[in-house]
Amino acid sequence: MKAKELRAKQTAELESELIDLLKAQFSLRMQLATQQLNNNSQIVKTRRDIARVRTILAEKAAAK
């Protein structure tokens, strides 16, 4: 997911995207804890996506 794509979305869409990413992050952490996760890089990618969404939400809030 790229920042350019995220900037095109509305605030409500970004908030729902953030909730989905947080759920995915929780799921990945549980898979890691139970040793079911094959690709550890998924956790890093999800964390970065969460950071991107939060950054863009902060930018939109500051622009108001």
PDB file of N, CA and C in Angstrom:
ATOM      1  N   MET A   1       0.844  -1.161   0.000  1.00  0.00           N
ATOM      2  CA  MET A   1       0.000   0.000   0.000  1.00  0.00           C
ATOM      3  C   MET A   1       0.898   1.235   0.000  1.00  0.00           C
ATOM      4  N   LYS A   2       0.635   2.130  -0.914  1.00  0.00           N
ATOM      5  CA  LYS A   2       1.474   3.304  -1.064  1.00  0.00           C
ATOM      6  C   LYS A   2       0.788   4.522  -0.462  1.00  0.00           C
ATOM      7  N   ALA A   3       1.590   5.484  -0.061  1.00  0.00           N
ATOM      8  CA  ALA A   3       1.068   6.690   0.567  1.00  0.00           C
ATOM      9  C   ALA A   3       0.185   7.472  -0.410  1.00  0.00           C
ATOM     10  N   LYS A   4       0.524   7.429  -1.678  1.00  0.00           N
ATOM     11  CA  LYS A   4      -0.264   8.148  -2.688  1.00  0.00           C
ATOM     12  C   LYS A   4      -1.688   7.589  -2.750  1.00  0.00           C
ATOM     13  N   GLU A   5      -1.815   6.270  -2.667  1.00  0.00           N
ATOM     14  CA  GLU A   5      -3.131   5.631  -2.673  1.00  0.00           C
ATOM     15  C   GLU A   5      -3.913   6.006  -1.416  1.00  0.00           C
ATOM     16  N   LEU A   6      -3.213   6.065  -0.302  1.00  0.00           N
ATOM     17  CA  LEU A   6      -3.876   6.378   0.960  1.00  0.00           C
ATOM     18  C   LEU A   6      -4.349   7.827   1.015  1.00  0.00           C
ATOM     19  N   ARG A   7      -3.564   8.725   0.431  1.00  0.00           N
ATOM     20  CA  ARG A   7      -3.960  10.143   0.450  1.00  0.00           C
ATOM     21  C   ARG A   7      -5.229  10.384  -0.360  1.00  0.00           C
ATOM     22  N   ALA A   8      -5.523   9.514  -1.298  1.00  0.00           N
ATOM     23  CA  ALA A   8      -6.722   9.671  -2.124  1.00  0.00           C
ATOM     24  C   ALA A   8      -7.988   9.249  -1.371  1.00  0.00           C
ATOM     25  N   LYS A   9      -7.824   8.531  -0.268  1.00  0.00           N
ATOM     26  CA  LYS A   9      -8.977   8.036   0.478  1.00  0.00           C
ATOM     27  C   LYS A   9      -9.488   9.080   1.460  1.00  0.00           C
ATOM     28  N   GLN A  10     -10.758   8.918   1.822  1.00  0.00           N
ATOM     29  CA  GLN A  10     -11.378   9.786   2.813  1.00  0.00           C
ATOM     30  C   GLN A  10     -10.961   9.352   4.218  1.00  0.00           C
ATOM     31  N   THR A  11     -11.215  10.207   5.195  1.00  0.00           N
ATOM     32  CA  THR A  11     -10.822   9.924   6.578  1.00  0.00           C
ATOM     33  C   THR A  11     -11.506   8.676   7.110  1.00  0.00           C
ATOM     34  N   ALA A  12     -12.779   8.494   6.824  1.00  0.00           N
ATOM     35  CA  ALA A  12     -13.504   7.315   7.314  1.00  0.00           C
ATOM     36  C   ALA A  12     -12.920   6.030   6.721  1.00  0.00           C
ATOM     37  N   GLU A  13     -12.551   6.082   5.455  1.00  0.00           N
ATOM     38  CA  GLU A  13     -11.938   4.910   4.818  1.00  0.00           C
ATOM     39  C   GLU A  13     -10.588   4.598   5.448  1.00  0.00           C
ATOM     40  N   LEU A  14      -9.831   5.657   5.770  1.00  0.00           N
ATOM     41  CA  LEU A  14      -8.522   5.452   6.397  1.00  0.00           C
ATOM     42  C   LEU A  14      -8.668   4.855   7.794  1.00  0.00           C
ATOM     43  N   GLU A  15      -9.669   5.305   8.523  1.00  0.00           N
ATOM     44  CA  GLU A  15      -9.887   4.763   9.861  1.00  0.00           C
ATOM     45  C   GLU A  15     -10.282   3.291   9.806  1.00  0.00           C
ATOM     46  N   SER A  16     -11.106   2.919   8.846  1.00  0.00           N
ATOM     47  CA  SER A  16     -11.472   1.512   8.715  1.00  0.00           C
ATOM     48  C   SER A  16     -10.270   0.683   8.252  1.00  0.00           C
ATOM     49  N   GLU A  17      -9.433   1.257   7.410  1.00  0.00           N
ATOM     50  CA  GLU A  17      -8.204   0.591   6.971  1.00  0.00           C
ATOM     51  C   GLU A  17      -7.271   0.378   8.166  1.00  0.00           C
ATOM     52  N   LEU A  18      -7.193   1.378   9.033  1.00  0.00           N
ATOM     53  CA  LEU A  18      -6.354   1.264  10.229  1.00  0.00           C
ATOM     54  C   LEU A  18      -6.850   0.148  11.138  1.00  0.00           C
ATOM     55  N   ILE A  19      -8.142   0.053  11.319  1.00  0.00           N
ATOM     56  CA  ILE A  19      -8.711  -1.012  12.157  1.00  0.00           C
ATOM     57  C   ILE A  19      -8.392  -2.379  11.561  1.00  0.00           C
ATOM     58  N   ASP A  20      -8.526  -2.499  10.252  1.00  0.00           N
ATOM     59  CA  ASP A  20      -8.204  -3.768   9.586  1.00  0.00           C
ATOM     60  C   ASP A  20      -6.727  -4.133   9.765  1.00  0.00           C
ATOM     61  N   LEU A  21      -5.864  -3.138   9.637  1.00  0.00           N
ATOM     62  CA  LEU A  21      -4.432  -3.392   9.795  1.00  0.00           C
ATOM     63  C   LEU A  21      -4.075  -3.781  11.225  1.00  0.00           C
ATOM     64  N   LEU A  22      -4.726  -3.153  12.190  1.00  0.00           N
ATOM     65  CA  LEU A  22      -4.465  -3.504  13.589  1.00  0.00           C
ATOM     66  C   LEU A  22      -4.923  -4.930  13.888  1.00  0.00           C
ATOM     67  N   LYS A  23      -6.049  -5.324  13.305  1.00  0.00           N
ATOM     68  CA  LYS A  23      -6.512  -6.709  13.472  1.00  0.00           C
ATOM     69  C   LYS A  23      -5.535  -7.686  12.821  1.00  0.00           C
ATOM     70  N   ALA A  24      -5.036  -7.315  11.644  1.00  0.00           N
ATOM     71  CA  ALA A  24      -4.064  -8.172  10.958  1.00  0.00           C
ATOM     72  C   ALA A  24      -2.776  -8.285  11.766  1.00  0.00           C
ATOM     73  N   GLN A  25      -2.360  -7.176  12.362  1.00  0.00           N
ATOM     74  CA  GLN A  25      -1.152  -7.193  13.184  1.00  0.00           C
ATOM     75  C   GLN A  25      -1.334  -8.112  14.391  1.00  0.00           C
ATOM     76  N   PHE A  26      -2.490  -8.035  15.019  1.00  0.00           N
ATOM     77  CA  PHE A  26      -2.765  -8.909  16.164  1.00  0.00           C
ATOM     78  C   PHE A  26      -2.733 -10.371  15.744  1.00  0.00           C
ATOM     79  N   SER A  27      -3.343 -10.662  14.617  1.00  0.00           N
ATOM     80  CA  SER A  27      -3.355 -12.031  14.107  1.00  0.00           C
ATOM     81  C   SER A  27      -1.939 -12.529  13.831  1.00  0.00           C
ATOM     82  N   LEU A  28      -1.111 -11.669  13.240  1.00  0.00           N
ATOM     83  CA  LEU A  28       0.266 -12.058  12.956  1.00  0.00           C
ATOM     84  C   LEU A  28       1.050 -12.291  14.248  1.00  0.00           C
ATOM     85  N   ARG A  29       0.805 -11.464  15.254  1.00  0.00           N
ATOM     86  CA  ARG A  29       1.495 -11.661  16.532  1.00  0.00           C
ATOM     87  C   ARG A  29       1.096 -12.971  17.180  1.00  0.00           C
ATOM     88  N   MET A  30      -0.175 -13.333  17.065  1.00  0.00           N
ATOM     89  CA  MET A  30      -0.629 -14.603  17.634  1.00  0.00           C
ATOM     90  C   MET A  30      -0.019 -15.784  16.875  1.00  0.00           C
ATOM     91  N   GLN A  31       0.064 -15.652  15.552  1.00  0.00           N
ATOM     92  CA  GLN A  31       0.694 -16.702  14.754  1.00  0.00           C
ATOM     93  C   GLN A  31       2.167 -16.840  15.111  1.00  0.00           C
ATOM     94  N   LEU A  32       2.830 -15.712  15.359  1.00  0.00           N
ATOM     95  CA  LEU A  32       4.234 -15.753  15.747  1.00  0.00           C
ATOM     96  C   LEU A  32       4.404 -16.431  17.107  1.00  0.00           C
ATOM     97  N   ALA A  33       3.510 -16.128  18.026  1.00  0.00           N
ATOM     98  CA  ALA A  33       3.606 -16.695  19.368  1.00  0.00           C
ATOM     99  C   ALA A  33       3.362 -18.201  19.364  1.00  0.00           C
ATOM    100  N   THR A  34       2.511 -18.668  18.476  1.00  0.00           N
ATOM    101  CA  THR A  34       2.215 -20.099  18.405  1.00  0.00           C
ATOM    102  C   THR A  34       3.074 -20.809  17.364  1.00  0.00           C
ATOM    103  N   GLN A  35       4.059 -20.085  16.837  1.00  0.00           N
ATOM    104  CA  GLN A  35       5.008 -20.612  15.858  1.00  0.00           C
ATOM    105  C   GLN A  35       4.332 -21.121  14.589  1.00  0.00           C
ATOM    106  N   GLN A  36       3.296 -20.436  14.162  1.00  0.00           N
ATOM    107  CA  GLN A  36       2.607 -20.789  12.922  1.00  0.00           C
ATOM    108  C   GLN A  36       2.942 -19.833  11.786  1.00  0.00           C
ATOM    109  N   LEU A  37       3.694 -18.782  12.096  1.00  0.00           N
ATOM    110  CA  LEU A  37       4.012 -17.772  11.090  1.00  0.00           C
ATOM    111  C   LEU A  37       5.240 -18.199  10.304  1.00  0.00           C
ATOM    112  N   ASN A  38       5.089 -18.261   8.984  1.00  0.00           N
ATOM    113  CA  ASN A  38       6.195 -18.669   8.120  1.00  0.00           C
ATOM    114  C   ASN A  38       7.042 -17.488   7.682  1.00  0.00           C
ATOM    115  N   ASN A  39       6.399 -16.356   7.422  1.00  0.00           N
ATOM    116  CA  ASN A  39       7.090 -15.203   6.863  1.00  0.00           C
ATOM    117  C   ASN A  39       7.069 -14.058   7.883  1.00  0.00           C
ATOM    118  N   ASN A  40       8.175 -13.892   8.602  1.00  0.00           N
ATOM    119  CA  ASN A  40       8.239 -12.866   9.638  1.00  0.00           C
ATOM    120  C   ASN A  40       8.206 -11.450   9.079  1.00  0.00           C
ATOM    121  N   SER A  41       8.537 -11.270   7.823  1.00  0.00           N
ATOM    122  CA  SER A  41       8.553  -9.934   7.243  1.00  0.00           C
ATOM    123  C   SER A  41       7.147  -9.346   7.118  1.00  0.00           C
ATOM    124  N   GLN A  42       6.132 -10.168   7.207  1.00  0.00           N
ATOM    125  CA  GLN A  42       4.755  -9.668   7.161  1.00  0.00           C
ATOM    126  C   GLN A  42       4.473  -8.740   8.334  1.00  0.00           C
ATOM    127  N   ILE A  43       5.066  -9.031   9.485  1.00  0.00           N
ATOM    128  CA  ILE A  43       4.855  -8.197  10.664  1.00  0.00           C
ATOM    129  C   ILE A  43       5.413  -6.795  10.412  1.00  0.00           C
ATOM    130  N   VAL A  44       6.597  -6.729   9.842  1.00  0.00           N
ATOM    131  CA  VAL A  44       7.231  -5.440   9.573  1.00  0.00           C
ATOM    132  C   VAL A  44       6.428  -4.652   8.546  1.00  0.00           C
ATOM    133  N   LYS A  45       5.968  -5.317   7.504  1.00  0.00           N
ATOM    134  CA  LYS A  45       5.176  -4.644   6.471  1.00  0.00           C
ATOM    135  C   LYS A  45       3.883  -4.087   7.055  1.00  0.00           C
ATOM    136  N   THR A  46       3.242  -4.858   7.920  1.00  0.00           N
ATOM    137  CA  THR A  46       1.996  -4.413   8.530  1.00  0.00           C
ATOM    138  C   THR A  46       2.240  -3.216   9.443  1.00  0.00           C
ATOM    139  N   ARG A  47       3.316  -3.258  10.215  1.00  0.00           N
ATOM    140  CA  ARG A  47       3.643  -2.135  11.093  1.00  0.00           C
ATOM    141  C   ARG A  47       3.886  -0.868  10.291  1.00  0.00           C
ATOM    142  N   ARG A  48       4.569  -0.989   9.175  1.00  0.00           N
ATOM    143  CA  ARG A  48       4.847   0.179   8.338  1.00  0.00           C
ATOM    144  C   ARG A  48       3.578   0.723   7.702  1.00  0.00           C
ATOM    145  N   ASP A  49       2.674  -0.172   7.290  1.00  0.00           N
ATOM    146  CA  ASP A  49       1.394   0.270   6.737  1.00  0.00           C
ATOM    147  C   ASP A  49       0.582   1.014   7.788  1.00  0.00           C
ATOM    148  N   ILE A  50       0.599   0.513   9.024  1.00  0.00           N
ATOM    149  CA  ILE A  50      -0.108   1.181  10.113  1.00  0.00           C
ATOM    150  C   ILE A  50       0.471   2.576  10.319  1.00  0.00           C
ATOM    151  N   ALA A  51       1.784   2.688  10.298  1.00  0.00           N
ATOM    152  CA  ALA A  51       2.436   3.986  10.464  1.00  0.00           C
ATOM    153  C   ALA A  51       2.058   4.938   9.333  1.00  0.00           C
ATOM    154  N   ARG A  52       1.996   4.419   8.106  1.00  0.00           N
ATOM    155  CA  ARG A  52       1.605   5.263   6.969  1.00  0.00           C
ATOM    156  C   ARG A  52       0.191   5.801   7.145  1.00  0.00           C
ATOM    157  N   VAL A  53      -0.722   4.923   7.519  1.00  0.00           N
ATOM    158  CA  VAL A  53      -2.118   5.340   7.680  1.00  0.00           C
ATOM    159  C   VAL A  53      -2.231   6.369   8.801  1.00  0.00           C
ATOM    160  N   ARG A  54      -1.558   6.130   9.917  1.00  0.00           N
ATOM    161  CA  ARG A  54      -1.622   7.080  11.027  1.00  0.00           C
ATOM    162  C   ARG A  54      -1.007   8.421  10.655  1.00  0.00           C
ATOM    163  N   THR A  55       0.061   8.407   9.884  1.00  0.00           N
ATOM    164  CA  THR A  55       0.699   9.651   9.445  1.00  0.00           C
ATOM    165  C   THR A  55      -0.236  10.451   8.557  1.00  0.00           C
ATOM    166  N   ILE A  56      -0.888   9.788   7.637  1.00  0.00           N
ATOM    167  CA  ILE A  56      -1.788  10.492   6.724  1.00  0.00           C
ATOM    168  C   ILE A  56      -3.023  11.000   7.465  1.00  0.00           C
ATOM    169  N   LEU A  57      -3.519  10.232   8.434  1.00  0.00           N
ATOM    170  CA  LEU A  57      -4.632  10.722   9.251  1.00  0.00           C
ATOM    171  C   LEU A  57      -4.218  11.960  10.028  1.00  0.00           C
ATOM    172  N   ALA A  58      -2.999  11.987  10.538  1.00  0.00           N
ATOM    173  CA  ALA A  58      -2.510  13.164  11.258  1.00  0.00           C
ATOM    174  C   ALA A  58      -2.359  14.355  10.322  1.00  0.00           C
ATOM    175  N   GLU A  59      -1.901  14.106   9.100  1.00  0.00           N
ATOM    176  CA  GLU A  59      -1.778  15.181   8.121  1.00  0.00           C
ATOM    177  C   GLU A  59      -3.143  15.777   7.792  1.00  0.00           C
ATOM    178  N   LYS A  60      -4.127  14.905   7.621  1.00  0.00           N
ATOM    179  CA  LYS A  60      -5.475  15.390   7.292  1.00  0.00           C
ATOM    180  C   LYS A  60      -6.073  16.164   8.462  1.00  0.00           C
ATOM    181  N   ALA A  61      -5.801  15.710   9.698  1.00  0.00           N
ATOM    182  CA  ALA A  61      -6.312  16.405  10.875  1.00  0.00           C
ATOM    183  C   ALA A  61      -5.651  17.785  11.026  1.00  0.00           C
ATOM    184  N   ALA A  62      -4.369  17.872  10.713  1.00  0.00           N
ATOM    185  CA  ALA A  62      -3.659  19.135  10.820  1.00  0.00           C
ATOM    186  C   ALA A  62      -4.089  20.124   9.717  1.00  0.00           C
ATOM    187  N   ALA A  63      -4.544  19.598   8.611  1.00  0.00           N
ATOM    188  CA  ALA A  63      -4.949  20.453   7.483  1.00  0.00           C
ATOM    189  C   ALA A  63      -6.302  21.108   7.727  1.00  0.00           C
ATOM    190  N   LYS A  64      -7.064  20.593   8.661  1.00  0.00           N
ATOM    191  CA  LYS A  64      -8.410  21.157   8.909  1.00  0.00           C
ATOM    192  C   LYS A  64      -8.349  22.444   9.676  1.00  0.00           C
TER     193      LYS A  64
END
